[in-house]
């Protein structure tokens, strides 16, 4: 898929900041694909497996009811759908049921798909510094949807909106520099770290990667305890922010 990004509602402010909304549209690229969106594939059923993982600590009666619901809607451990349905969403009676009787259990409403909420969407109202008065502040986030900090997580550190909007950083970086940015999709700030020197078409560069602690759970890395309820390391539970984000947009 090819992603087209366009900024709209661009407004410059007297304090050296600019506000905008960034819209995203995805286009299928057949020349770079080995198949098409109408091909049928079978994958693990994310709805069933995800719901099963989230209800493991619920009372037995509730787990029994949800298990019966899976059978009622003929939902099993595997799912067979077209690529287009899996990417952009398909109607699911199970999703409607869970959102009605257990609101907040799922991070999405309506059609269920891997990118159902991303296509033709925007990432919220960003206000960033232009760098006009201080080049070191270029693209740094002043606020997002009017917020200077989040309210999704359990600690002030986890609720911080740090770094840039993720497309540009200040010049004159060194190997000790990091790349912090705020990701609305992850509902949190992220920081990449230097890995090694590199070269692209003769241009020297620094390669940055996500540290192993980035998505570690609170047990493996104590500062991440604020992002709980935690799953195993490597998984971030964003259910606490999805519906809140929808209400802000």
Foldseek 3Di string as FASTA:
>chain_A
DDKDKDWPPWDDDPVQKIKTWIWIADDDDVVPDPDDQQDKDKDFDCVVVLLCVVCVPPDPVVVVVLVVVCVVQVHDRMDIDGNNCQAQFDAGPSQVVCCVPPNLSDLDHDGDHPCNARHRDILFMWMAGCCPPHLQRHQWTPAGLNHQFADLWDDRVFGHAGAGQPDDGGPPDDQQDWHWHAGSVLPTIFIWHWDAWDADPRRIDTDTDGDQCGQAECVVPVVNVRQDVDDHGPDGDCSSCSVVVVVSD
